[in-house]
Amino acid sequence: MGEVGFGMRFVLASLGTWRVTHLLAQEDGPGDAVFRIRVRAGSGPVGELMDCFFCLSFWVAGPFAVIVAPRRNEVPLTWIALSGAACLLERLVPDSPGRPHAREEEVPDELLRPETTSL
């Protein structure tokens, strides 16, 4: 198998950028590790960054761009393009009941019978 071209590297980096950003912004992570980080980050700058998929994708795309860009002078454009690709992918993913941060919202389901406590 020959060398992987820029196009394929870009596609893989786009998927990687989306996956890592989605994990950090909208999932609890293995063993709730990401959830705990998000709680510790609180409402400070890092916490706010982790609450915004689009903002976070920009920073996650940086390392991928350094690896993927064929020449150093193409890193800035590749960086922005990878973030843009991740944002487009995020728009294509339908909302699921667990998003975002299901634990933080704790919205009761009106279709379920409320819990009763017995004395």
N, C-alpha and C. Protein backbone atom coordinates (compact mmCIF):
# COMPACT_ATOMS: atom_id res chain seq x y z
N MET A 1 0.85 -1.18 0.00
CA MET A 1 0.00 0.00 0.00
C MET A 1 0.89 1.24 0.00
N GLY A 2 0.59 2.17 -0.87
CA GLY A 2 1.40 3.37 -1.02
C GLY A 2 1.11 4.41 0.04
N GLU A 3 1.76 5.54 -0.12
CA GLU A 3 1.60 6.65 0.81
C GLU A 3 0.19 7.21 0.73
N VAL A 4 -0.36 7.57 1.88
CA VAL A 4 -1.70 8.15 1.94
C VAL A 4 -1.59 9.62 1.52
N GLY A 5 -2.43 10.02 0.58
CA GLY A 5 -2.41 11.38 0.06
C GLY A 5 -3.02 12.39 1.02
N PHE A 6 -2.84 13.65 0.69
CA PHE A 6 -3.35 14.73 1.53
C PHE A 6 -4.86 14.64 1.71
N GLY A 7 -5.59 14.31 0.64
CA GLY A 7 -7.05 14.24 0.73
C GLY A 7 -7.51 13.24 1.77
N MET A 8 -6.92 12.05 1.76
CA MET A 8 -7.30 11.02 2.73
C MET A 8 -6.87 11.43 4.14
N ARG A 9 -5.69 12.02 4.28
CA ARG A 9 -5.25 12.49 5.59
C ARG A 9 -6.19 13.56 6.12
N PHE A 10 -6.65 14.43 5.22
CA PHE A 10 -7.56 15.49 5.64
C PHE A 10 -8.90 14.91 6.10
N VAL A 11 -9.42 13.94 5.37
CA VAL A 11 -10.68 13.30 5.76
C VAL A 11 -10.53 12.63 7.12
N LEU A 12 -9.45 11.88 7.31
CA LEU A 12 -9.23 11.21 8.59
C LEU A 12 -9.06 12.22 9.73
N ALA A 13 -8.32 13.30 9.47
CA ALA A 13 -8.14 14.33 10.49
C ALA A 13 -9.46 15.04 10.80
N SER A 14 -10.30 15.23 9.80
CA SER A 14 -11.62 15.84 10.02
C SER A 14 -12.46 14.97 10.93
N LEU A 15 -12.47 13.66 10.67
CA LEU A 15 -13.21 12.74 11.51
C LEU A 15 -12.63 12.70 12.93
N GLY A 16 -11.30 12.72 13.02
CA GLY A 16 -10.65 12.75 14.32
C GLY A 16 -10.97 14.01 15.09
N THR A 17 -10.96 15.14 14.40
CA THR A 17 -11.29 16.41 15.05
C THR A 17 -12.71 16.39 15.57
N TRP A 18 -13.64 15.89 14.73
CA TRP A 18 -15.04 15.80 15.16
C TRP A 18 -15.17 14.88 16.37
N ARG A 19 -14.51 13.71 16.32
CA ARG A 19 -14.66 12.72 17.38
C ARG A 19 -14.13 13.23 18.72
N VAL A 20 -12.94 13.80 18.72
CA VAL A 20 -12.35 14.31 19.96
C VAL A 20 -13.18 15.48 20.50
N THR A 21 -13.60 16.38 19.62
CA THR A 21 -14.41 17.52 20.05
C THR A 21 -15.74 17.06 20.62
N HIS A 22 -16.38 16.10 19.97
CA HIS A 22 -17.66 15.57 20.44
C HIS A 22 -17.48 14.93 21.82
N LEU A 23 -16.41 14.17 21.98
CA LEU A 23 -16.13 13.54 23.28
C LEU A 23 -16.00 14.59 24.37
N LEU A 24 -15.20 15.61 24.12
CA LEU A 24 -14.94 16.64 25.14
C LEU A 24 -16.14 17.53 25.42
N ALA A 25 -16.93 17.82 24.39
CA ALA A 25 -18.02 18.78 24.56
C ALA A 25 -19.34 18.14 24.96
N GLN A 26 -19.57 16.86 24.57
CA GLN A 26 -20.93 16.35 24.72
C GLN A 26 -21.04 14.95 25.30
N GLU A 27 -19.96 14.36 25.71
CA GLU A 27 -20.03 13.01 26.26
C GLU A 27 -19.43 12.98 27.66
N ASP A 28 -19.78 11.94 28.41
CA ASP A 28 -19.24 11.77 29.76
C ASP A 28 -17.86 11.15 29.74
N GLY A 29 -17.55 10.38 28.70
CA GLY A 29 -16.24 9.76 28.59
C GLY A 29 -16.15 8.47 29.38
N PRO A 30 -15.08 7.74 29.17
CA PRO A 30 -14.91 6.47 29.89
C PRO A 30 -14.74 6.72 31.39
N GLY A 31 -15.53 6.00 32.17
CA GLY A 31 -15.46 6.18 33.62
C GLY A 31 -15.86 7.58 34.06
N ASP A 32 -16.65 8.26 33.26
CA ASP A 32 -17.09 9.63 33.55
C ASP A 32 -15.94 10.63 33.68
N ALA A 33 -14.78 10.30 33.12
CA ALA A 33 -13.60 11.16 33.25
C ALA A 33 -13.84 12.54 32.65
N VAL A 34 -14.42 12.60 31.46
CA VAL A 34 -14.64 13.89 30.80
C VAL A 34 -15.72 14.67 31.55
N PHE A 35 -16.72 13.98 32.04
CA PHE A 35 -17.76 14.64 32.83
C PHE A 35 -17.16 15.32 34.05
N ARG A 36 -16.26 14.63 34.76
CA ARG A 36 -15.63 15.20 35.95
C ARG A 36 -14.75 16.41 35.59
N ILE A 37 -14.06 16.33 34.46
CA ILE A 37 -13.24 17.46 34.00
C ILE A 37 -14.14 18.65 33.71
N ARG A 38 -15.27 18.38 33.05
CA ARG A 38 -16.20 19.46 32.71
C ARG A 38 -16.75 20.11 33.98
N VAL A 39 -17.07 19.30 34.99
CA VAL A 39 -17.59 19.84 36.26
C VAL A 39 -16.52 20.68 36.95
N ARG A 40 -15.28 20.19 36.98
CA ARG A 40 -14.19 20.95 37.60
C ARG A 40 -13.93 22.27 36.87
N ALA A 41 -14.08 22.23 35.56
CA ALA A 41 -13.83 23.44 34.77
C ALA A 41 -14.87 24.51 35.10
N GLY A 42 -16.06 24.07 35.51
CA GLY A 42 -17.10 25.01 35.93
C GLY A 42 -17.49 26.00 34.86
N SER A 43 -17.68 27.24 35.29
CA SER A 43 -18.11 28.28 34.36
C SER A 43 -16.96 29.21 33.97
N GLY A 44 -15.74 28.78 34.24
CA GLY A 44 -14.57 29.57 33.84
C GLY A 44 -14.32 29.45 32.35
N PRO A 45 -13.22 30.02 31.87
CA PRO A 45 -12.93 30.00 30.43
C PRO A 45 -12.86 28.59 29.84
N VAL A 46 -12.23 27.66 30.56
CA VAL A 46 -12.14 26.29 30.04
C VAL A 46 -13.51 25.63 30.04
N GLY A 47 -14.30 25.86 31.08
CA GLY A 47 -15.65 25.32 31.14
C GLY A 47 -16.53 25.84 30.02
N GLU A 48 -16.44 27.14 29.76
CA GLU A 48 -17.21 27.72 28.67
C GLU A 48 -16.76 27.16 27.33
N LEU A 49 -15.46 26.95 27.17
CA LEU A 49 -14.93 26.38 25.93
C LEU A 49 -15.46 24.97 25.72
N MET A 50 -15.53 24.18 26.79
CA MET A 50 -16.00 22.80 26.68
C MET A 50 -17.50 22.72 26.44
N ASP A 51 -18.21 23.80 26.66
CA ASP A 51 -19.65 23.82 26.41
C ASP A 51 -20.00 24.20 24.98
N CYS A 52 -19.04 24.65 24.22
CA CYS A 52 -19.30 25.10 22.85
C CYS A 52 -18.55 24.22 21.86
N PHE A 53 -19.28 23.35 21.17
CA PHE A 53 -18.64 22.45 20.21
C PHE A 53 -17.85 23.24 19.17
N PHE A 54 -18.42 24.29 18.65
CA PHE A 54 -17.80 25.04 17.55
C PHE A 54 -16.51 25.73 18.00
N CYS A 55 -16.51 26.29 19.20
CA CYS A 55 -15.30 26.92 19.74
C CYS A 55 -14.23 25.87 20.01
N LEU A 56 -14.62 24.79 20.63
CA LEU A 56 -13.69 23.74 21.00
C LEU A 56 -13.07 23.07 19.78
N SER A 57 -13.86 22.93 18.71
CA SER A 57 -13.33 22.27 17.50
C SER A 57 -12.14 23.04 16.93
N PHE A 58 -12.15 24.35 17.10
CA PHE A 58 -11.03 25.15 16.60
C PHE A 58 -9.73 24.74 17.29
N TRP A 59 -9.77 24.57 18.61
CA TRP A 59 -8.56 24.23 19.36
C TRP A 59 -8.17 22.77 19.18
N VAL A 60 -9.14 21.90 19.04
CA VAL A 60 -8.84 20.48 18.82
C VAL A 60 -8.21 20.29 17.44
N ALA A 61 -8.63 21.08 16.46
CA ALA A 61 -8.13 20.93 15.09
C ALA A 61 -6.65 21.32 14.95
N GLY A 62 -6.14 22.13 15.86
CA GLY A 62 -4.75 22.61 15.76
C GLY A 62 -3.71 21.51 15.63
N PRO A 63 -3.65 20.58 16.57
CA PRO A 63 -2.65 19.52 16.45
C PRO A 63 -2.84 18.65 15.20
N PHE A 64 -4.10 18.40 14.84
CA PHE A 64 -4.35 17.63 13.62
C PHE A 64 -3.81 18.38 12.39
N ALA A 65 -3.98 19.69 12.37
CA ALA A 65 -3.51 20.48 11.23
C ALA A 65 -2.00 20.42 11.10
N VAL A 66 -1.29 20.45 12.21
CA VAL A 66 0.18 20.38 12.18
C VAL A 66 0.62 19.04 11.57
N ILE A 67 -0.10 17.98 11.91
CA ILE A 67 0.25 16.66 11.40
C ILE A 67 -0.13 16.50 9.93
N VAL A 68 -1.27 17.05 9.52
CA VAL A 68 -1.84 16.81 8.20
C VAL A 68 -1.30 17.73 7.11
N ALA A 69 -1.05 18.98 7.45
CA ALA A 69 -0.66 19.96 6.44
C ALA A 69 0.63 19.53 5.73
N PRO A 70 0.63 19.54 4.40
CA PRO A 70 1.82 19.11 3.67
C PRO A 70 3.02 20.04 3.84
N ARG A 71 2.75 21.33 4.03
CA ARG A 71 3.82 22.32 4.22
C ARG A 71 3.46 23.22 5.40
N ARG A 72 4.47 23.71 6.07
CA ARG A 72 4.27 24.54 7.26
C ARG A 72 3.39 25.76 6.97
N ASN A 73 3.56 26.37 5.82
CA ASN A 73 2.76 27.56 5.52
C ASN A 73 1.29 27.24 5.24
N GLU A 74 0.94 25.95 5.14
CA GLU A 74 -0.45 25.54 4.92
C GLU A 74 -1.16 25.16 6.22
N VAL A 75 -0.45 25.20 7.33
CA VAL A 75 -1.05 24.82 8.62
C VAL A 75 -2.24 25.71 8.98
N PRO A 76 -2.14 27.05 8.91
CA PRO A 76 -3.30 27.88 9.30
C PRO A 76 -4.57 27.57 8.51
N LEU A 77 -4.44 27.44 7.21
CA LEU A 77 -5.62 27.15 6.39
C LEU A 77 -6.16 25.74 6.68
N THR A 78 -5.28 24.78 6.85
CA THR A 78 -5.70 23.41 7.18
C THR A 78 -6.39 23.39 8.54
N TRP A 79 -5.87 24.16 9.48
CA TRP A 79 -6.44 24.26 10.83
C TRP A 79 -7.90 24.73 10.76
N ILE A 80 -8.11 25.83 10.06
CA ILE A 80 -9.45 26.38 9.93
C ILE A 80 -10.36 25.42 9.18
N ALA A 81 -9.83 24.80 8.14
CA ALA A 81 -10.63 23.86 7.34
C ALA A 81 -11.04 22.63 8.16
N LEU A 82 -10.14 22.11 8.99
CA LEU A 82 -10.47 20.96 9.83
C LEU A 82 -11.56 21.31 10.84
N SER A 83 -11.45 22.48 11.44
CA SER A 83 -12.49 22.93 12.36
C SER A 83 -13.82 23.08 11.63
N GLY A 84 -13.77 23.66 10.45
CA GLY A 84 -14.99 23.82 9.65
C GLY A 84 -15.61 22.48 9.27
N ALA A 85 -14.77 21.52 8.91
CA ALA A 85 -15.27 20.19 8.57
C ALA A 85 -15.93 19.53 9.78
N ALA A 86 -15.32 19.68 10.95
CA ALA A 86 -15.90 19.12 12.17
C ALA A 86 -17.24 19.77 12.48
N CYS A 87 -17.33 21.08 12.27
CA CYS A 87 -18.59 21.79 12.51
C CYS A 87 -19.67 21.32 11.55
N LEU A 88 -19.30 21.09 10.29
CA LEU A 88 -20.27 20.57 9.32
C LEU A 88 -20.73 19.17 9.72
N LEU A 89 -19.80 18.32 10.14
CA LEU A 89 -20.16 16.98 10.59
C LEU A 89 -21.10 17.05 11.79
N GLU A 90 -20.84 17.96 12.71
CA GLU A 90 -21.68 18.10 13.89
C GLU A 90 -23.10 18.48 13.50
N ARG A 91 -23.24 19.31 12.50
CA ARG A 91 -24.58 19.70 12.03
C ARG A 91 -25.31 18.53 11.40
N LEU A 92 -24.57 17.56 10.86
CA LEU A 92 -25.19 16.40 10.22
C LEU A 92 -25.64 15.34 11.23
N VAL A 93 -25.08 15.37 12.44
CA VAL A 93 -25.42 14.38 13.45
C VAL A 93 -26.74 14.79 14.11
N PRO A 94 -27.75 13.92 14.05
CA PRO A 94 -29.03 14.28 14.68
C PRO A 94 -28.89 14.32 16.20
N ASP A 95 -29.68 15.18 16.81
CA ASP A 95 -29.67 15.28 18.27
C ASP A 95 -30.17 13.97 18.86
N SER A 96 -29.54 13.56 19.94
CA SER A 96 -29.98 12.36 20.64
C SER A 96 -30.44 12.77 22.03
N PRO A 97 -31.26 11.95 22.68
CA PRO A 97 -31.80 12.33 23.99
C PRO A 97 -30.73 12.62 25.03
N GLY A 98 -29.55 12.04 24.90
CA GLY A 98 -28.51 12.24 25.90
C GLY A 98 -27.70 13.49 25.72
N ARG A 99 -27.94 14.26 24.67
CA ARG A 99 -27.11 15.44 24.40
C ARG A 99 -27.82 16.70 24.79
N PRO A 100 -27.19 17.72 25.20
CA PRO A 100 -25.86 17.73 25.75
C PRO A 100 -25.92 17.52 27.26
N HIS A 101 -24.94 16.95 27.83
CA HIS A 101 -24.76 16.82 29.27
C HIS A 101 -26.02 16.37 29.99
N ALA A 102 -26.47 15.20 29.70
CA ALA A 102 -27.72 14.70 30.29
C ALA A 102 -27.71 14.77 31.81
N ARG A 103 -26.59 14.52 32.44
CA ARG A 103 -26.53 14.53 33.90
C ARG A 103 -26.73 15.91 34.48
N GLU A 104 -26.27 16.92 33.77
CA GLU A 104 -26.38 18.28 34.29
C GLU A 104 -27.81 18.78 34.21
N GLU A 105 -28.55 18.32 33.21
CA GLU A 105 -29.91 18.81 33.04
C GLU A 105 -30.90 18.11 33.95
N GLU A 106 -30.81 16.78 34.07
CA GLU A 106 -31.70 15.99 34.91
C GLU A 106 -33.15 16.39 34.68
N VAL A 107 -33.58 16.39 33.44
CA VAL A 107 -34.95 16.74 33.10
C VAL A 107 -35.82 15.49 33.26
N PRO A 108 -36.84 15.55 34.11
CA PRO A 108 -37.69 14.37 34.29
C PRO A 108 -38.51 14.11 33.03
N ASP A 109 -38.78 12.86 32.79
CA ASP A 109 -39.58 12.46 31.64
C ASP A 109 -41.04 12.44 32.08
N GLU A 110 -41.87 13.26 31.45
CA GLU A 110 -43.26 13.35 31.85
C GLU A 110 -44.04 12.08 31.54
N LEU A 111 -43.49 11.19 30.73
CA LEU A 111 -44.18 9.94 30.42
C LEU A 111 -43.94 8.88 31.49
N LEU A 112 -42.95 9.06 32.32
CA LEU A 112 -42.65 8.09 33.37
C LEU A 112 -43.38 8.46 34.65
N ARG A 113 -43.80 7.46 35.37
CA ARG A 113 -44.47 7.67 36.65
C ARG A 113 -43.44 8.19 37.66
N PRO A 114 -43.78 9.22 38.44
CA PRO A 114 -42.82 9.73 39.42
C PRO A 114 -42.54 8.69 40.51
N GLU A 115 -41.33 8.74 41.04
CA GLU A 115 -40.97 7.81 42.10
C GLU A 115 -41.73 8.17 43.37
N THR A 116 -42.13 7.14 44.10
CA THR A 116 -42.80 7.38 45.38
C THR A 116 -41.95 6.78 46.48
N THR A 117 -41.99 7.41 47.61
CA THR A 117 -41.23 6.90 48.75
C THR A 117 -42.21 6.29 49.74
N SER A 118 -41.87 5.13 50.21
CA SER A 118 -42.76 4.48 51.18
C SER A 118 -42.21 4.69 52.58
N LEU A 119 -43.11 4.82 53.51
CA LEU A 119 -42.72 5.06 54.90
C LEU A 119 -42.57 3.80 55.63
